[in-house]
Amino acid sequence: MPALETLRNLGLGGAVGFLVGLALATWVGTEKAGGTILLVVLCIAIAVTAERIITRIRRRPARSRGEQGRNAQAGDGGQPPA
């Protein structure tokens, strides 16, 4: 099934967006298929975008406050100055 293959490629965000979209379409009570499809596609797009933003934020290297304010010299073992 090509739809399931596409959903696998979108990852967890796509699956969550799909389920939220179906729940939203049921709750809103769209009477036409076009409205249901529109809600599902919008929810998938929002969820995938949010997932990618969160992934980028989590992958950024963390900088500690000590690295910014202190001149670390080679061989000091990372200890703060006495």
PDB file of N, CA and C in Angstrom:
ATOM      1  N   MET A   1       0.831  -1.181   0.000  1.00  0.00           N
ATOM      2  CA  MET A   1       0.000   0.000   0.000  1.00  0.00           C
ATOM      3  C   MET A   1       0.876   1.245   0.000  1.00  0.00           C
ATOM      4  N   PRO A   2       0.759   2.069  -0.994  1.00  0.00           N
ATOM      5  CA  PRO A   2       1.604   3.266  -1.066  1.00  0.00           C
ATOM      6  C   PRO A   2       1.325   4.260   0.066  1.00  0.00           C
ATOM      7  N   ALA A   3       0.097   4.325   0.554  1.00  0.00           N
ATOM      8  CA  ALA A   3      -0.220   5.270   1.625  1.00  0.00           C
ATOM      9  C   ALA A   3       0.515   4.900   2.908  1.00  0.00           C
ATOM     10  N   LEU A   4       0.574   3.630   3.235  1.00  0.00           N
ATOM     11  CA  LEU A   4       1.285   3.204   4.439  1.00  0.00           C
ATOM     12  C   LEU A   4       2.782   3.411   4.302  1.00  0.00           C
ATOM     13  N   GLU A   5       3.309   3.213   3.104  1.00  0.00           N
ATOM     14  CA  GLU A   5       4.735   3.432   2.857  1.00  0.00           C
ATOM     15  C   GLU A   5       5.072   4.911   3.046  1.00  0.00           C
ATOM     16  N   THR A   6       4.226   5.787   2.557  1.00  0.00           N
ATOM     17  CA  THR A   6       4.439   7.228   2.724  1.00  0.00           C
ATOM     18  C   THR A   6       4.363   7.604   4.188  1.00  0.00           C
ATOM     19  N   LEU A   7       3.413   7.028   4.904  1.00  0.00           N
ATOM     20  CA  LEU A   7       3.270   7.315   6.326  1.00  0.00           C
ATOM     21  C   LEU A   7       4.490   6.848   7.109  1.00  0.00           C
ATOM     22  N   ARG A   8       5.069   5.724   6.719  1.00  0.00           N
ATOM     23  CA  ARG A   8       6.301   5.251   7.377  1.00  0.00           C
ATOM     24  C   ARG A   8       7.448   6.223   7.165  1.00  0.00           C
ATOM     25  N   ASN A   9       7.521   6.805   5.981  1.00  0.00           N
ATOM     26  CA  ASN A   9       8.601   7.745   5.682  1.00  0.00           C
ATOM     27  C   ASN A   9       8.458   9.045   6.473  1.00  0.00           C
ATOM     28  N   LEU A  10       7.241   9.383   6.871  1.00  0.00           N
ATOM     29  CA  LEU A  10       7.029  10.617   7.632  1.00  0.00           C
ATOM     30  C   LEU A  10       7.394  10.462   9.096  1.00  0.00           C
ATOM     31  N   GLY A  11       7.477   9.248   9.579  1.00  0.00           N
ATOM     32  CA  GLY A  11       7.899   9.010  10.954  1.00  0.00           C
ATOM     33  C   GLY A  11       6.772   9.137  11.955  1.00  0.00           C
ATOM     34  N   LEU A  12       7.171   9.329  13.196  1.00  0.00           N
ATOM     35  CA  LEU A  12       6.217   9.408  14.292  1.00  0.00           C
ATOM     36  C   LEU A  12       5.310  10.624  14.153  1.00  0.00           C
ATOM     37  N   GLY A  13       5.858  11.722  13.706  1.00  0.00           N
ATOM     38  CA  GLY A  13       5.048  12.933  13.525  1.00  0.00           C
ATOM     39  C   GLY A  13       3.928  12.724  12.520  1.00  0.00           C
ATOM     40  N   GLY A  14       4.218  11.996  11.456  1.00  0.00           N
ATOM     41  CA  GLY A  14       3.195  11.711  10.458  1.00  0.00           C
ATOM     42  C   GLY A  14       2.092  10.827  11.000  1.00  0.00           C
ATOM     43  N   ALA A  15       2.481   9.827  11.786  1.00  0.00           N
ATOM     44  CA  ALA A  15       1.484   8.928  12.364  1.00  0.00           C
ATOM     45  C   ALA A  15       0.603   9.669  13.363  1.00  0.00           C
ATOM     46  N   VAL A  16       1.218  10.498  14.203  1.00  0.00           N
ATOM     47  CA  VAL A  16       0.448  11.273  15.171  1.00  0.00           C
ATOM     48  C   VAL A  16      -0.472  12.252  14.445  1.00  0.00           C
ATOM     49  N   GLY A  17       0.047  12.916  13.430  1.00  0.00           N
ATOM     50  CA  GLY A  17      -0.764  13.854  12.657  1.00  0.00           C
ATOM     51  C   GLY A  17      -1.937  13.172  11.972  1.00  0.00           C
ATOM     52  N   PHE A  18      -1.708  11.972  11.463  1.00  0.00           N
ATOM     53  CA  PHE A  18      -2.772  11.210  10.807  1.00  0.00           C
ATOM     54  C   PHE A  18      -3.883  10.882  11.798  1.00  0.00           C
ATOM     55  N   LEU A  19      -3.497  10.381  12.966  1.00  0.00           N
ATOM     56  CA  LEU A  19      -4.495  10.023  13.980  1.00  0.00           C
ATOM     57  C   LEU A  19      -5.229  11.250  14.509  1.00  0.00           C
ATOM     58  N   VAL A  20      -4.508  12.325  14.750  1.00  0.00           N
ATOM     59  CA  VAL A  20      -5.148  13.558  15.219  1.00  0.00           C
ATOM     60  C   VAL A  20      -6.081  14.107  14.138  1.00  0.00           C
ATOM     61  N   GLY A  21      -5.657  14.013  12.889  1.00  0.00           N
ATOM     62  CA  GLY A  21      -6.498  14.483  11.785  1.00  0.00           C
ATOM     63  C   GLY A  21      -7.789  13.696  11.668  1.00  0.00           C
ATOM     64  N   LEU A  22      -7.693  12.384  11.811  1.00  0.00           N
ATOM     65  CA  LEU A  22      -8.912  11.568  11.771  1.00  0.00           C
ATOM     66  C   LEU A  22      -9.832  11.889  12.941  1.00  0.00           C
ATOM     67  N   ALA A  23      -9.256  12.045  14.123  1.00  0.00           N
ATOM     68  CA  ALA A  23     -10.066  12.390  15.296  1.00  0.00           C
ATOM     69  C   ALA A  23     -10.715  13.758  15.128  1.00  0.00           C
ATOM     70  N   LEU A  24      -9.975  14.717  14.598  1.00  0.00           N
ATOM     71  CA  LEU A  24     -10.512  16.054  14.380  1.00  0.00           C
ATOM     72  C   LEU A  24     -11.621  16.040  13.331  1.00  0.00           C
ATOM     73  N   ALA A  25     -11.432  15.277  12.267  1.00  0.00           N
ATOM     74  CA  ALA A  25     -12.458  15.189  11.225  1.00  0.00           C
ATOM     75  C   ALA A  25     -13.732  14.554  11.770  1.00  0.00           C
ATOM     76  N   THR A  26     -13.584  13.578  12.647  1.00  0.00           N
ATOM     77  CA  THR A  26     -14.752  12.945  13.261  1.00  0.00           C
ATOM     78  C   THR A  26     -15.441  13.915  14.219  1.00  0.00           C
ATOM     79  N   TRP A  27     -14.649  14.650  14.987  1.00  0.00           N
ATOM     80  CA  TRP A  27     -15.208  15.583  15.961  1.00  0.00           C
ATOM     81  C   TRP A  27     -15.928  16.742  15.267  1.00  0.00           C
ATOM     82  N   VAL A  28     -15.303  17.288  14.221  1.00  0.00           N
ATOM     83  CA  VAL A  28     -15.896  18.405  13.493  1.00  0.00           C
ATOM     84  C   VAL A  28     -17.115  17.927  12.710  1.00  0.00           C
ATOM     85  N   GLY A  29     -17.056  16.702  12.231  1.00  0.00           N
ATOM     86  CA  GLY A  29     -18.184  16.144  11.485  1.00  0.00           C
ATOM     87  C   GLY A  29     -18.248  16.636  10.053  1.00  0.00           C
ATOM     88  N   THR A  30     -17.133  16.576   9.356  1.00  0.00           N
ATOM     89  CA  THR A  30     -17.125  17.001   7.959  1.00  0.00           C
ATOM     90  C   THR A  30     -18.044  16.088   7.147  1.00  0.00           C
ATOM     91  N   GLU A  31     -18.813  16.691   6.269  1.00  0.00           N
ATOM     92  CA  GLU A  31     -19.793  15.925   5.503  1.00  0.00           C
ATOM     93  C   GLU A  31     -19.254  15.450   4.159  1.00  0.00           C
ATOM     94  N   LYS A  32     -18.160  16.022   3.718  1.00  0.00           N
ATOM     95  CA  LYS A  32     -17.592  15.635   2.429  1.00  0.00           C
ATOM     96  C   LYS A  32     -16.191  15.078   2.634  1.00  0.00           C
ATOM     97  N   ALA A  33     -15.784  14.245   1.717  1.00  0.00           N
ATOM     98  CA  ALA A  33     -14.461  13.623   1.807  1.00  0.00           C
ATOM     99  C   ALA A  33     -13.343  14.655   1.683  1.00  0.00           C
ATOM    100  N   GLY A  34     -13.588  15.701   0.914  1.00  0.00           N
ATOM    101  CA  GLY A  34     -12.569  16.731   0.737  1.00  0.00           C
ATOM    102  C   GLY A  34     -12.208  17.428   2.030  1.00  0.00           C
ATOM    103  N   GLY A  35     -13.198  17.676   2.876  1.00  0.00           N
ATOM    104  CA  GLY A  35     -12.949  18.311   4.165  1.00  0.00           C
ATOM    105  C   GLY A  35     -12.145  17.411   5.087  1.00  0.00           C
ATOM    106  N   THR A  36     -12.476  16.127   5.066  1.00  0.00           N
ATOM    107  CA  THR A  36     -11.731  15.172   5.888  1.00  0.00           C
ATOM    108  C   THR A  36     -10.278  15.086   5.438  1.00  0.00           C
ATOM    109  N   ILE A  37     -10.072  15.000   4.146  1.00  0.00           N
ATOM    110  CA  ILE A  37      -8.714  14.913   3.602  1.00  0.00           C
ATOM    111  C   ILE A  37      -7.922  16.171   3.940  1.00  0.00           C
ATOM    112  N   LEU A  38      -8.575  17.332   3.810  1.00  0.00           N
ATOM    113  CA  LEU A  38      -7.898  18.586   4.122  1.00  0.00           C
ATOM    114  C   LEU A  38      -7.466  18.633   5.583  1.00  0.00           C
ATOM    115  N   LEU A  39      -8.347  18.251   6.490  1.00  0.00           N
ATOM    116  CA  LEU A  39      -7.985  18.252   7.913  1.00  0.00           C
ATOM    117  C   LEU A  39      -6.851  17.281   8.212  1.00  0.00           C
ATOM    118  N   VAL A  40      -6.914  16.098   7.625  1.00  0.00           N
ATOM    119  CA  VAL A  40      -5.873  15.095   7.874  1.00  0.00           C
ATOM    120  C   VAL A  40      -4.527  15.577   7.327  1.00  0.00           C
ATOM    121  N   VAL A  41      -4.523  16.119   6.129  1.00  0.00           N
ATOM    122  CA  VAL A  41      -3.264  16.587   5.524  1.00  0.00           C
ATOM    123  C   VAL A  41      -2.681  17.752   6.323  1.00  0.00           C
ATOM    124  N   LEU A  42      -3.529  18.676   6.769  1.00  0.00           N
ATOM    125  CA  LEU A  42      -3.037  19.792   7.578  1.00  0.00           C
ATOM    126  C   LEU A  42      -2.454  19.305   8.908  1.00  0.00           C
ATOM    127  N   CYS A  43      -3.120  18.368   9.547  1.00  0.00           N
ATOM    128  CA  CYS A  43      -2.605  17.842  10.820  1.00  0.00           C
ATOM    129  C   CYS A  43      -1.284  17.104  10.623  1.00  0.00           C
ATOM    130  N   ILE A  44      -1.170  16.352   9.541  1.00  0.00           N
ATOM    131  CA  ILE A  44       0.086  15.655   9.260  1.00  0.00           C
ATOM    132  C   ILE A  44       1.207  16.665   9.026  1.00  0.00           C
ATOM    133  N   ALA A  45       0.930  17.714   8.243  1.00  0.00           N
ATOM    134  CA  ALA A  45       1.953  18.720   7.956  1.00  0.00           C
ATOM    135  C   ALA A  45       2.412  19.426   9.227  1.00  0.00           C
ATOM    136  N   ILE A  46       1.463  19.779  10.092  1.00  0.00           N
ATOM    137  CA  ILE A  46       1.818  20.458  11.336  1.00  0.00           C
ATOM    138  C   ILE A  46       2.627  19.540  12.245  1.00  0.00           C
ATOM    139  N   ALA A  47       2.212  18.289  12.365  1.00  0.00           N
ATOM    140  CA  ALA A  47       2.904  17.351  13.254  1.00  0.00           C
ATOM    141  C   ALA A  47       4.313  17.028  12.750  1.00  0.00           C
ATOM    142  N   VAL A  48       4.467  16.836  11.444  1.00  0.00           N
ATOM    143  CA  VAL A  48       5.797  16.534  10.888  1.00  0.00           C
ATOM    144  C   VAL A  48       6.721  17.736  11.054  1.00  0.00           C
ATOM    145  N   THR A  49       6.208  18.939  10.817  1.00  0.00           N
ATOM    146  CA  THR A  49       7.015  20.141  10.989  1.00  0.00           C
ATOM    147  C   THR A  49       7.445  20.297  12.443  1.00  0.00           C
ATOM    148  N   ALA A  50       6.520  20.088  13.366  1.00  0.00           N
ATOM    149  CA  ALA A  50       6.858  20.185  14.792  1.00  0.00           C
ATOM    150  C   ALA A  50       7.893  19.135  15.180  1.00  0.00           C
ATOM    151  N   GLU A  51       7.753  17.924  14.655  1.00  0.00           N
ATOM    152  CA  GLU A  51       8.721  16.869  14.961  1.00  0.00           C
ATOM    153  C   GLU A  51      10.116  17.241  14.471  1.00  0.00           C
ATOM    154  N   ARG A  52      10.205  17.798  13.276  1.00  0.00           N
ATOM    155  CA  ARG A  52      11.518  18.161  12.725  1.00  0.00           C
ATOM    156  C   ARG A  52      12.146  19.324  13.481  1.00  0.00           C
ATOM    157  N   ILE A  53      11.331  20.278  13.915  1.00  0.00           N
ATOM    158  CA  ILE A  53      11.861  21.395  14.701  1.00  0.00           C
ATOM    159  C   ILE A  53      12.391  20.892  16.033  1.00  0.00           C
ATOM    160  N   ILE A  54      11.629  20.034  16.687  1.00  0.00           N
ATOM    161  CA  ILE A  54      12.052  19.482  17.971  1.00  0.00           C
ATOM    162  C   ILE A  54      13.325  18.663  17.813  1.00  0.00           C
ATOM    163  N   THR A  55      13.414  17.894  16.729  1.00  0.00           N
ATOM    164  CA  THR A  55      14.613  17.089  16.486  1.00  0.00           C
ATOM    165  C   THR A  55      15.833  17.973  16.291  1.00  0.00           C
ATOM    166  N   ARG A  56      15.689  19.079  15.556  1.00  0.00           N
ATOM    167  CA  ARG A  56      16.824  19.982  15.355  1.00  0.00           C
ATOM    168  C   ARG A  56      17.255  20.644  16.648  1.00  0.00           C
ATOM    169  N   ILE A  57      16.293  21.015  17.471  1.00  0.00           N
ATOM    170  CA  ILE A  57      16.627  21.648  18.744  1.00  0.00           C
ATOM    171  C   ILE A  57      17.358  20.663  19.650  1.00  0.00           C
ATOM    172  N   ARG A  58      16.904  19.425  19.677  1.00  0.00           N
ATOM    173  CA  ARG A  58      17.529  18.432  20.552  1.00  0.00           C
ATOM    174  C   ARG A  58      18.915  18.027  20.067  1.00  0.00           C
ATOM    175  N   ARG A  59      19.196  18.131  18.781  1.00  0.00           N
ATOM    176  CA  ARG A  59      20.500  17.722  18.239  1.00  0.00           C
ATOM    177  C   ARG A  59      21.553  18.802  18.332  1.00  0.00           C
ATOM    178  N   ARG A  60      21.158  20.025  18.668  1.00  0.00           N
ATOM    179  CA  ARG A  60      22.135  21.099  18.779  1.00  0.00           C
ATOM    180  C   ARG A  60      23.085  20.817  19.923  1.00  0.00           C
ATOM    181  N   PRO A  61      24.372  21.092  19.740  1.00  0.00           N
ATOM    182  CA  PRO A  61      25.316  20.856  20.833  1.00  0.00           C
ATOM    183  C   PRO A  61      25.042  21.828  21.980  1.00  0.00           C
ATOM    184  N   ALA A  62      25.051  21.287  23.173  1.00  0.00           N
ATOM    185  CA  ALA A  62      24.795  22.108  24.356  1.00  0.00           C
ATOM    186  C   ALA A  62      26.069  22.830  24.764  1.00  0.00           C
ATOM    187  N   ARG A  63      25.926  24.094  25.106  1.00  0.00           N
ATOM    188  CA  ARG A  63      27.063  24.864  25.599  1.00  0.00           C
ATOM    189  C   ARG A  63      26.790  25.189  27.054  1.00  0.00           C
ATOM    190  N   SER A  64      27.719  24.819  27.892  1.00  0.00           N
ATOM    191  CA  SER A  64      27.528  25.116  29.308  1.00  0.00           C
ATOM    192  C   SER A  64      28.001  26.540  29.603  1.00  0.00           C
ATOM    193  N   ARG A  65      27.540  27.073  30.687  1.00  0.00           N
ATOM    194  CA  ARG A  65      27.907  28.429  31.059  1.00  0.00           C
ATOM    195  C   ARG A  65      29.395  28.531  31.376  1.00  0.00           C
ATOM    196  N   GLY A  66      29.975  27.473  31.891  1.00  0.00           N
ATOM    197  CA  GLY A  66      31.386  27.486  32.242  1.00  0.00           C
ATOM    198  C   GLY A  66      32.296  27.616  31.034  1.00  0.00           C
ATOM    199  N   GLU A  67      31.904  27.073  29.904  1.00  0.00           N
ATOM    200  CA  GLU A  67      32.732  27.157  28.708  1.00  0.00           C
ATOM    201  C   GLU A  67      32.754  28.567  28.143  1.00  0.00           C
ATOM    202  N   GLN A  68      31.717  29.319  28.345  1.00  0.00           N
ATOM    203  CA  GLN A  68      31.631  30.650  27.762  1.00  0.00           C
ATOM    204  C   GLN A  68      32.416  31.675  28.572  1.00  0.00           C
ATOM    205  N   GLY A  69      32.386  31.558  29.900  1.00  0.00           N
ATOM    206  CA  GLY A  69      32.941  32.611  30.729  1.00  0.00           C
ATOM    207  C   GLY A  69      34.360  32.368  31.213  1.00  0.00           C
ATOM    208  N   ARG A  70      34.925  31.234  30.937  1.00  0.00           N
ATOM    209  CA  ARG A  70      36.232  30.891  31.495  1.00  0.00           C
ATOM    210  C   ARG A  70      37.189  30.570  30.360  1.00  0.00           C
ATOM    211  N   ASN A  71      38.426  31.001  30.479  1.00  0.00           N
ATOM    212  CA  ASN A  71      39.447  30.632  29.507  1.00  0.00           C
ATOM    213  C   ASN A  71      40.022  29.298  29.927  1.00  0.00           C
ATOM    214  N   ALA A  72      39.617  28.254  29.231  1.00  0.00           N
ATOM    215  CA  ALA A  72      40.121  26.921  29.572  1.00  0.00           C
ATOM    216  C   ALA A  72      41.501  26.752  28.972  1.00  0.00           C
ATOM    217  N   GLN A  73      42.457  26.406  29.812  1.00  0.00           N
ATOM    218  CA  GLN A  73      43.806  26.174  29.338  1.00  0.00           C
ATOM    219  C   GLN A  73      44.041  24.676  29.266  1.00  0.00           C
ATOM    220  N   ALA A  74      44.926  24.300  28.364  1.00  0.00           N
ATOM    221  CA  ALA A  74      45.238  22.876  28.210  1.00  0.00           C
ATOM    222  C   ALA A  74      45.873  22.366  29.482  1.00  0.00           C
ATOM    223  N   GLY A  75      45.396  21.230  29.959  1.00  0.00           N
ATOM    224  CA  GLY A  75      46.000  20.601  31.108  1.00  0.00           C
ATOM    225  C   GLY A  75      45.408  21.015  32.449  1.00  0.00           C
ATOM    226  N   ASP A  76      44.410  21.892  32.479  1.00  0.00           N
ATOM    227  CA  ASP A  76      43.863  22.276  33.775  1.00  0.00           C
ATOM    228  C   ASP A  76      42.803  21.301  34.254  1.00  0.00           C
ATOM    229  N   GLY A  77      42.460  20.298  33.436  1.00  0.00           N
ATOM    230  CA  GLY A  77      41.504  19.280  33.848  1.00  0.00           C
ATOM    231  C   GLY A  77      40.079  19.778  33.928  1.00  0.00           C
ATOM    232  N   GLY A  78      39.811  20.946  33.391  1.00  0.00           N
ATOM    233  CA  GLY A  78      38.468  21.486  33.415  1.00  0.00           C
ATOM    234  C   GLY A  78      38.036  22.009  34.764  1.00  0.00           C
ATOM    235  N   GLN A  79      38.994  22.184  35.674  1.00  0.00           N
ATOM    236  CA  GLN A  79      38.660  22.661  37.020  1.00  0.00           C
ATOM    237  C   GLN A  79      38.528  24.175  37.008  1.00  0.00           C
ATOM    238  N   PRO A  80      37.596  24.704  37.800  1.00  0.00           N
ATOM    239  CA  PRO A  80      37.486  26.163  37.864  1.00  0.00           C
ATOM    240  C   PRO A  80      38.695  26.758  38.582  1.00  0.00           C
ATOM    241  N   PRO A  81      39.036  28.013  38.277  1.00  0.00           N
ATOM    242  CA  PRO A  81      40.196  28.626  38.932  1.00  0.00           C
ATOM    243  C   PRO A  81      39.938  28.770  40.426  1.00  0.00           C
ATOM    244  N   ALA A  82      41.002  28.603  41.201  1.00  0.00           N
ATOM    245  CA  ALA A  82      40.889  28.656  42.676  1.00  0.00           C
ATOM    246  C   ALA A  82      40.822  30.048  43.209  1.00  0.00           C
TER     247      ALA A  82
END
